[in-house]
C-alpha atoms as a PDB file:
ATOM      1  CA  MET A   1       6.186  29.794   5.065  1.00  0.00           C
ATOM      2  CA  ILE A   2       6.161  28.132   1.639  1.00  0.00           C
ATOM      3  CA  HIS A   3       6.779  24.731   3.222  1.00  0.00           C
ATOM      4  CA  GLN A   4       3.942  25.296   5.696  1.00  0.00           C
ATOM      5  CA  ARG A   5       1.530  26.186   2.912  1.00  0.00           C
ATOM      6  CA  GLN A   6       2.575  23.171   0.850  1.00  0.00           C
ATOM      7  CA  GLY A   7       2.300  20.959   3.923  1.00  0.00           C
ATOM      8  CA  ARG A   8      -1.263  22.113   4.573  1.00  0.00           C
ATOM      9  CA  GLN A   9      -2.142  21.556   0.929  1.00  0.00           C
ATOM     10  CA  LEU A  10      -0.763  18.030   1.117  1.00  0.00           C
ATOM     11  CA  LEU A  11      -2.695  17.340   4.322  1.00  0.00           C
ATOM     12  CA  TYR A  12      -5.905  18.577   2.700  1.00  0.00           C
ATOM     13  CA  GLN A  13      -5.293  16.327  -0.292  1.00  0.00           C
ATOM     14  CA  TYR A  14      -4.825  13.363   2.013  1.00  0.00           C
ATOM     15  CA  GLY A  15      -7.998  14.246   3.915  1.00  0.00           C
ATOM     16  CA  TYR A  16     -10.006  14.508   0.702  1.00  0.00           C
ATOM     17  CA  PHE A  17      -8.656  11.177  -0.489  1.00  0.00           C
ATOM     18  CA  PHE A  18      -9.397   9.537   2.870  1.00  0.00           C
ATOM     19  CA  LEU A  19     -13.021  10.713   2.668  1.00  0.00           C
ATOM     20  CA  PHE A  20     -13.253   9.686  -0.990  1.00  0.00           C
ATOM     21  CA  TRP A  21     -11.930   6.194  -0.249  1.00  0.00           C
ATOM     22  CA  PHE A  22     -14.222   5.778   2.761  1.00  0.00           C
ATOM     23  CA  ILE A  23     -17.226   6.563   0.545  1.00  0.00           C
ATOM     24  CA  ILE A  24     -15.981   4.151  -2.130  1.00  0.00           C
ATOM     25  CA  GLN A  25     -15.510   1.442   0.483  1.00  0.00           C
ATOM     26  CA  VAL A  26     -19.006   1.888   1.938  1.00  0.00           C
ATOM     27  CA  PHE A  27     -21.011   2.324  -1.256  1.00  0.00           C
ATOM     28  CA  ILE A  28     -19.067   0.232  -3.785  1.00  0.00           C
ATOM     29  CA  ASN A  29     -16.564  -2.228  -2.312  1.00  0.00           C
ATOM     30  CA  VAL A  30     -18.726  -3.551   0.527  1.00  0.00           C
ATOM     31  CA  PRO A  31     -21.806  -4.163  -1.679  1.00  0.00           C
ATOM     32  CA  VAL A  32     -19.642  -5.760  -4.388  1.00  0.00           C
ATOM     33  CA  ASN A  33     -18.003  -8.087  -1.860  1.00  0.00           C
ATOM     34  CA  ASN A  34     -21.401  -9.051  -0.443  1.00  0.00           C
ATOM     35  CA  LEU A  35     -23.291  -9.470  -3.710  1.00  0.00           C
ATOM     36  CA  SER A  36     -20.730 -11.002  -6.078  1.00  0.00           C
ATOM     37  CA  THR A  37     -18.036 -13.670  -6.122  1.00  0.00           C
ATOM     38  CA  GLY A  38     -15.166 -14.986  -8.239  1.00  0.00           C
ATOM     39  CA  TRP A  39     -13.908 -13.123 -11.267  1.00  0.00           C
ATOM     40  CA  THR A  40     -16.845 -10.705 -11.352  1.00  0.00           C
ATOM     41  CA  GLN A  41     -16.036  -9.499  -7.867  1.00  0.00           C
ATOM     42  CA  GLU A  42     -12.313  -9.380  -8.596  1.00  0.00           C
ATOM     43  CA  ILE A  43     -12.648  -7.387 -11.815  1.00  0.00           C
ATOM     44  CA  ILE A  44     -14.913  -4.778 -10.220  1.00  0.00           C
ATOM     45  CA  ILE A  45     -12.777  -4.380  -7.091  1.00  0.00           C
ATOM     46  CA  ASP A  46      -9.571  -4.213  -9.144  1.00  0.00           C
ATOM     47  CA  SER A  47     -11.055  -1.627 -11.511  1.00  0.00           C
ATOM     48  CA  VAL A  48     -12.120   0.555  -8.589  1.00  0.00           C
ATOM     49  CA  LYS A  49      -8.638   0.282  -7.068  1.00  0.00           C
ATOM     50  CA  LEU A  50      -6.932   1.124 -10.354  1.00  0.00           C
ATOM     51  CA  VAL A  51      -9.048   4.232 -10.895  1.00  0.00           C
ATOM     52  CA  GLY A  52      -9.207   5.311  -7.259  1.00  0.00           C
ATOM     53  CA  TRP A  53      -5.506   4.900  -6.484  1.00  0.00           C
ATOM     54  CA  LEU A  54      -3.334   4.446  -9.575  1.00  0.00           C
ATOM     55  CA  VAL A  55      -5.013   7.029 -11.799  1.00  0.00           C
ATOM     56  CA  VAL A  56      -5.283   9.532  -8.951  1.00  0.00           C
ATOM     57  CA  GLY A  57      -1.626   8.985  -8.073  1.00  0.00           C
ATOM     58  CA  LEU A  58      -0.452   9.407 -11.657  1.00  0.00           C
ATOM     59  CA  VAL A  59      -2.489  12.593 -12.088  1.00  0.00           C
ATOM     60  CA  LEU A  60      -1.125  14.094  -8.864  1.00  0.00           C
ATOM     61  CA  ILE A  61       2.467  13.240  -9.807  1.00  0.00           C
ATOM     62  CA  ARG A  62       2.031  14.681 -13.281  1.00  0.00           C
ATOM     63  CA  ARG A  63       0.484  17.908 -11.983  1.00  0.00           C
ATOM     64  CA  THR A  64       3.289  18.475  -9.466  1.00  0.00           C
ATOM     65  CA  LYS A  65       6.272  20.601 -10.444  1.00  0.00           C
ATOM     66  CA  PRO A  66       9.440  18.452 -10.675  1.00  0.00           C
ATOM     67  CA  GLU A  67      11.283  20.609  -8.149  1.00  0.00           C
ATOM     68  CA  ALA A  68       8.585  19.814  -5.552  1.00  0.00           C
ATOM     69  CA  LEU A  69       9.369  16.089  -5.743  1.00  0.00           C
ATOM     70  CA  ALA A  70      12.222  14.328  -3.957  1.00  0.00           C
ATOM     71  CA  VAL A  71      12.451  11.833  -6.836  1.00  0.00           C
ATOM     72  CA  GLN A  72      11.537  13.437 -10.137  1.00  0.00           C
ATOM     73  CA  GLN A  73      11.404  10.173 -12.109  1.00  0.00           C
ATOM     74  CA  PRO A  74       9.785   7.736  -9.660  1.00  0.00           C
ATOM     75  CA  PHE A  75       9.123   5.040 -12.269  1.00  0.00           C
ATOM     76  CA  LYS A  76      12.734   4.803 -13.376  1.00  0.00           C
ATOM     77  CA  VAL A  77      13.848   1.172 -13.173  1.00  0.00           C
ATOM     78  CA  ASN A  78      16.620   0.202 -10.731  1.00  0.00           C
ATOM     79  CA  TRP A  79      17.157  -3.567 -10.815  1.00  0.00           C
ATOM     80  CA  ARG A  80      20.653  -3.279  -9.287  1.00  0.00           C
ATOM     81  CA  PHE A  81      19.266  -2.197  -5.926  1.00  0.00           C
ATOM     82  CA  SER A  82      20.458  -5.146  -3.820  1.00  0.00           C
ATOM     83  CA  PRO A  83      18.391  -4.352  -0.658  1.00  0.00           C
ATOM     84  CA  LEU A  84      15.301  -5.350  -2.658  1.00  0.00           C
ATOM     85  CA  TYR A  85      16.503  -8.923  -3.004  1.00  0.00           C
ATOM     86  CA  ILE A  86      17.518  -9.087   0.653  1.00  0.00           C
ATOM     87  CA  THR A  87      14.058  -7.804   1.599  1.00  0.00           C
ATOM     88  CA  LEU A  88      12.334 -10.412  -0.571  1.00  0.00           C
ATOM     89  CA  GLY A  89      14.413 -13.182   0.994  1.00  0.00           C
ATOM     90  CA  LEU A  90      13.615 -12.019   4.527  1.00  0.00           C
ATOM     91  CA  MET A  91       9.918 -11.764   3.687  1.00  0.00           C
ATOM     92  CA  LEU A  92       9.888 -15.315   2.360  1.00  0.00           C
ATOM     93  CA  VAL A  93      11.687 -16.683   5.420  1.00  0.00           C
ATOM     94  CA  TYR A  94       9.395 -14.763   7.791  1.00  0.00           C
ATOM     95  CA  VAL A  95       6.078 -15.787   6.204  1.00  0.00           C
ATOM     96  CA  LEU A  96       7.061 -19.427   5.769  1.00  0.00           C
ATOM     97  CA  GLY A  97       8.467 -19.510   9.303  1.00  0.00           C
ATOM     98  CA  VAL A  98       5.287 -18.054  10.812  1.00  0.00           C
ATOM     99  CA  THR A  99       3.202 -20.522   8.793  1.00  0.00           C
ATOM    100  CA  LEU A 100       5.235 -23.484  10.027  1.00  0.00           C
ATOM    101  CA  ILE A 101       5.048 -22.330  13.646  1.00  0.00           C
ATOM    102  CA  GLN A 102       1.303 -21.715  13.547  1.00  0.00           C
ATOM    103  CA  LYS A 103       0.201 -24.663  11.412  1.00  0.00           C
ATOM    104  CA  GLN A 104       3.114 -27.121  11.604  1.00  0.00           C
ATOM    105  CA  GLN A 105       3.015 -27.452   7.822  1.00  0.00           C
ATOM    106  CA  LEU A 106       3.378 -25.441   4.629  1.00  0.00           C
ATOM    107  CA  GLN A 107       0.079 -25.458   2.837  1.00  0.00           C
ATOM    108  CA  ILE A 108      -1.632 -22.951   0.571  1.00  0.00           C
ATOM    109  CA  GLN A 109      -4.804 -21.605   2.150  1.00  0.00           C
ATOM    110  CA  SER A 110      -8.053 -23.145   0.928  1.00  0.00           C
ATOM    111  CA  THR A 111      -9.425 -19.610   0.598  1.00  0.00           C
ATOM    112  CA  PHE A 112      -6.760 -18.719  -1.974  1.00  0.00           C
ATOM    113  CA  THR A 113      -8.123 -18.723  -5.520  1.00  0.00           C
ATOM    114  CA  PRO A 114      -6.447 -17.856  -8.853  1.00  0.00           C
ATOM    115  CA  GLU A 115      -8.375 -14.610  -9.257  1.00  0.00           C
ATOM    116  CA  LYS A 116      -6.734 -13.263  -6.096  1.00  0.00           C
ATOM    117  CA  LEU A 117      -3.500 -13.028  -8.057  1.00  0.00           C
ATOM    118  CA  GLY A 118      -5.024  -9.969  -9.710  1.00  0.00           C
ATOM    119  CA  GLN A 119      -5.667  -7.860  -6.656  1.00  0.00           C
ATOM    120  CA  ASP A 120      -3.093  -9.219  -4.227  1.00  0.00           C
ATOM    121  CA  PHE A 121      -0.173  -9.475  -6.648  1.00  0.00           C
ATOM    122  CA  LEU A 122      -0.738  -7.307  -9.715  1.00  0.00           C
ATOM    123  CA  VAL A 123      -2.984  -4.451  -8.613  1.00  0.00           C
ATOM    124  CA  VAL A 124      -2.586  -3.471  -4.960  1.00  0.00           C
ATOM    125  CA  GLY A 125       1.188  -3.042  -4.981  1.00  0.00           C
ATOM    126  CA  ILE A 126       1.445  -0.711  -7.953  1.00  0.00           C
ATOM    127  CA  CYS A 127      -1.660   1.275  -6.961  1.00  0.00           C
ATOM    128  CA  GLU A 128      -0.702   1.911  -3.348  1.00  0.00           C
ATOM    129  CA  GLU A 129       2.974   2.533  -4.063  1.00  0.00           C
ATOM    130  CA  THR A 130       2.205   5.002  -6.844  1.00  0.00           C
ATOM    131  CA  LEU A 131      -0.051   7.114  -4.652  1.00  0.00           C
ATOM    132  CA  PHE A 132       1.677   6.874  -1.280  1.00  0.00           C
ATOM    133  CA  ARG A 133       5.351   6.612  -2.157  1.00  0.00           C
ATOM    134  CA  GLY A 134       5.278   8.084  -5.664  1.00  0.00           C
ATOM    135  CA  TYR A 135       3.239  11.094  -4.600  1.00  0.00           C
ATOM    136  CA  PHE A 136       2.740  11.605  -0.850  1.00  0.00           C
ATOM    137  CA  LEU A 137       6.212  10.551   0.356  1.00  0.00           C
ATOM    138  CA  ASN A 138       7.739  12.158  -2.718  1.00  0.00           C
ATOM    139  CA  ARG A 139       6.093  15.448  -1.730  1.00  0.00           C
ATOM    140  CA  ILE A 140       6.644  15.130   2.021  1.00  0.00           C
ATOM    141  CA  ARG A 141      10.397  14.512   1.858  1.00  0.00           C
ATOM    142  CA  PRO A 142      11.358  18.015   0.578  1.00  0.00           C
ATOM    143  CA  LEU A 143       9.089  19.615   3.191  1.00  0.00           C
ATOM    144  CA  VAL A 144      10.650  18.097   6.330  1.00  0.00           C
ATOM    145  CA  ASP A 145      14.109  18.279   7.879  1.00  0.00           C
ATOM    146  CA  ASN A 146      15.180  14.673   7.464  1.00  0.00           C
ATOM    147  CA  GLN A 147      14.363  11.383   5.793  1.00  0.00           C
ATOM    148  CA  GLN A 148      13.384   9.668   9.047  1.00  0.00           C
ATOM    149  CA  MET A 149      10.608  12.159   9.725  1.00  0.00           C
ATOM    150  CA  ALA A 150       9.277  11.850   6.178  1.00  0.00           C
ATOM    151  CA  LEU A 151       9.218   8.057   6.414  1.00  0.00           C
ATOM    152  CA  VAL A 152       7.368   8.082   9.737  1.00  0.00           C
ATOM    153  CA  ILE A 153       4.767  10.611   8.566  1.00  0.00           C
ATOM    154  CA  GLN A 154       3.940   8.734   5.373  1.00  0.00           C
ATOM    155  CA  ALA A 155       3.909   5.388   7.226  1.00  0.00           C
ATOM    156  CA  VAL A 156       1.293   6.725   9.656  1.00  0.00           C
ATOM    157  CA  LEU A 157      -0.794   8.143   6.805  1.00  0.00           C
ATOM    158  CA  PHE A 158      -0.489   4.857   4.926  1.00  0.00           C
ATOM    159  CA  ALA A 159      -1.688   2.888   7.948  1.00  0.00           C
ATOM    160  CA  LEU A 160      -4.647   5.203   8.552  1.00  0.00           C
ATOM    161  CA  ILE A 161      -5.872   4.948   4.950  1.00  0.00           C
ATOM    162  CA  HIS A 162      -6.616   1.277   5.679  1.00  0.00           C
ATOM    163  CA  LEU A 163      -9.146   2.249   8.361  1.00  0.00           C
ATOM    164  CA  PRO A 164     -12.072   2.477   5.908  1.00  0.00           C
ATOM    165  CA  ARG A 165     -11.593  -1.192   5.070  1.00  0.00           C
ATOM    166  CA  TYR A 166     -11.091  -2.301   8.667  1.00  0.00           C
ATOM    167  CA  LEU A 167     -14.123  -0.351   9.900  1.00  0.00           C
ATOM    168  CA  THR A 168     -16.424  -1.778   7.210  1.00  0.00           C
ATOM    169  CA  THR A 169     -15.380  -5.414   7.552  1.00  0.00           C
ATOM    170  CA  TYR A 170     -18.123  -7.850   8.556  1.00  0.00           C
ATOM    171  CA  PRO A 171     -18.106  -9.457  11.033  1.00  0.00           C
ATOM    172  CA  ALA A 172     -16.596  -6.439  12.753  1.00  0.00           C
ATOM    173  CA  LEU A 173     -12.928  -6.607  13.696  1.00  0.00           C
ATOM    174  CA  SER A 174     -11.976  -6.251  17.342  1.00  0.00           C
ATOM    175  CA  LEU A 175     -10.163  -3.105  18.468  1.00  0.00           C
ATOM    176  CA  MET A 176      -7.045  -5.166  19.191  1.00  0.00           C
ATOM    177  CA  THR A 177      -7.091  -6.619  15.677  1.00  0.00           C
ATOM    178  CA  ILE A 178      -7.476  -3.181  14.108  1.00  0.00           C
ATOM    179  CA  VAL A 179      -4.611  -1.755  16.170  1.00  0.00           C
ATOM    180  CA  SER A 180      -2.314  -4.686  15.354  1.00  0.00           C
ATOM    181  CA  GLN A 181      -3.163  -4.378  11.664  1.00  0.00           C
ATOM    182  CA  LEU A 182      -2.457  -0.640  11.705  1.00  0.00           C
ATOM    183  CA  ILE A 183       0.934  -1.237  13.327  1.00  0.00           C
ATOM    184  CA  THR A 184       1.829  -3.926  10.797  1.00  0.00           C
ATOM    185  CA  VAL A 185       0.760  -1.791   7.842  1.00  0.00           C
ATOM    186  CA  GLY A 186       2.627   1.200   9.254  1.00  0.00           C
ATOM    187  CA  LEU A 187       5.854  -0.791   9.558  1.00  0.00           C
ATOM    188  CA  LEU A 188       5.445  -2.097   6.020  1.00  0.00           C
ATOM    189  CA  GLY A 189       4.760   1.438   4.806  1.00  0.00           C
ATOM    190  CA  TYR A 190       8.005   2.568   6.428  1.00  0.00           C
ATOM    191  CA  LEU A 191       9.901  -0.261   4.703  1.00  0.00           C
ATOM    192  CA  PHE A 192       8.392   0.427   1.278  1.00  0.00           C
ATOM    193  CA  GLY A 193       9.100   4.129   1.719  1.00  0.00           C
ATOM    194  CA  TRP A 194      12.717   3.415   2.615  1.00  0.00           C
ATOM    195  CA  LEU A 195      13.091   1.232  -0.480  1.00  0.00           C
ATOM    196  CA  PHE A 196      11.713   4.069  -2.602  1.00  0.00           C
ATOM    197  CA  LEU A 197      13.938   6.818  -1.236  1.00  0.00           C
ATOM    198  CA  LYS A 198      17.095   4.698  -1.231  1.00  0.00           C
ATOM    199  CA  SER A 199      16.615   3.251  -4.717  1.00  0.00           C
ATOM    200  CA  ARG A 200      15.005   6.419  -6.117  1.00  0.00           C
ATOM    201  CA  SER A 201      12.580   4.109  -7.891  1.00  0.00           C
ATOM    202  CA  LEU A 202       9.070   2.877  -7.137  1.00  0.00           C
ATOM    203  CA  TRP A 203       9.725  -0.596  -8.526  1.00  0.00           C
ATOM    204  CA  PRO A 204      11.530  -2.122  -5.516  1.00  0.00           C
ATOM    205  CA  GLY A 205       8.641  -1.091  -3.272  1.00  0.00           C
ATOM    206  CA  ILE A 206       6.037  -2.255  -5.778  1.00  0.00           C
ATOM    207  CA  ILE A 207       7.682  -5.668  -6.058  1.00  0.00           C
ATOM    208  CA  ALA A 208       8.188  -6.079  -2.297  1.00  0.00           C
ATOM    209  CA  HIS A 209       4.625  -4.926  -1.594  1.00  0.00           C
ATOM    210  CA  SER A 210       3.145  -7.313  -4.160  1.00  0.00           C
ATOM    211  CA  VAL A 211       5.193 -10.299  -2.992  1.00  0.00           C
ATOM    212  CA  TRP A 212       4.312  -9.643   0.658  1.00  0.00           C
ATOM    213  CA  ASP A 213       0.574  -9.457  -0.058  1.00  0.00           C
ATOM    214  CA  LEU A 214       0.696 -12.612  -2.173  1.00  0.00           C
ATOM    215  CA  LEU A 215       2.621 -14.599   0.450  1.00  0.00           C
ATOM    216  CA  ILE A 216       0.248 -13.510   3.223  1.00  0.00           C
ATOM    217  CA  VAL A 217      -2.887 -14.405   1.255  1.00  0.00           C
ATOM    218  CA  MET A 218      -1.437 -17.719   0.072  1.00  0.00           C
ATOM    219  CA  PHE A 219      -0.008 -19.048   3.317  1.00  0.00           C
ATOM    220  CA  VAL A 220      -1.453 -17.062   6.225  1.00  0.00           C
ATOM    221  CA  GLY A 221      -4.866 -15.975   4.972  1.00  0.00           C
ATOM    222  CA  SER A 222      -6.243 -12.502   4.344  1.00  0.00           C
END
């Protein structure tokens, strides 16, 4: 009964955040992307992400009783976690391999600019990992029977939270593109969640997430 009540509370929190982020996307991020460029755009978007995700995640973690979390010290450093380095190597090989197959050469995208280092390398990883792995997965794990179920649930939730961005992109994305993006993000969410639970630290997931986003934007294109 207690687990059911906590599960409903967690689902409500996710629903509120989904609605909150959809509103932010429509009324702040889309206008900023359309009306500004360069560092001005980057600073505003990054600030919104930091407040909307990182601050919210930190507040939720802090307000949660330690016994309700699977990992009570999620920001504890664990640099000896070898799967992180294997993951980074595989990511590098995959992205560079896909780039070579598609374009027959390794070349940084012309759309990549220095200011994108902020959002795609420094901001997104720590913000999304703090909220989704540091809080949601951290809360879900004690409420379900096994790790696999917890990882799948949070991966699905993580994929769905990207819908506000996909649905407000102009020109509009095709249904096939949206579905393929959701699947990709869900798989990545599963991987980052696994890194978190196995290492008992957010940092492996933050690093892997940041490196993945940077490689994609640099070589494949956003």
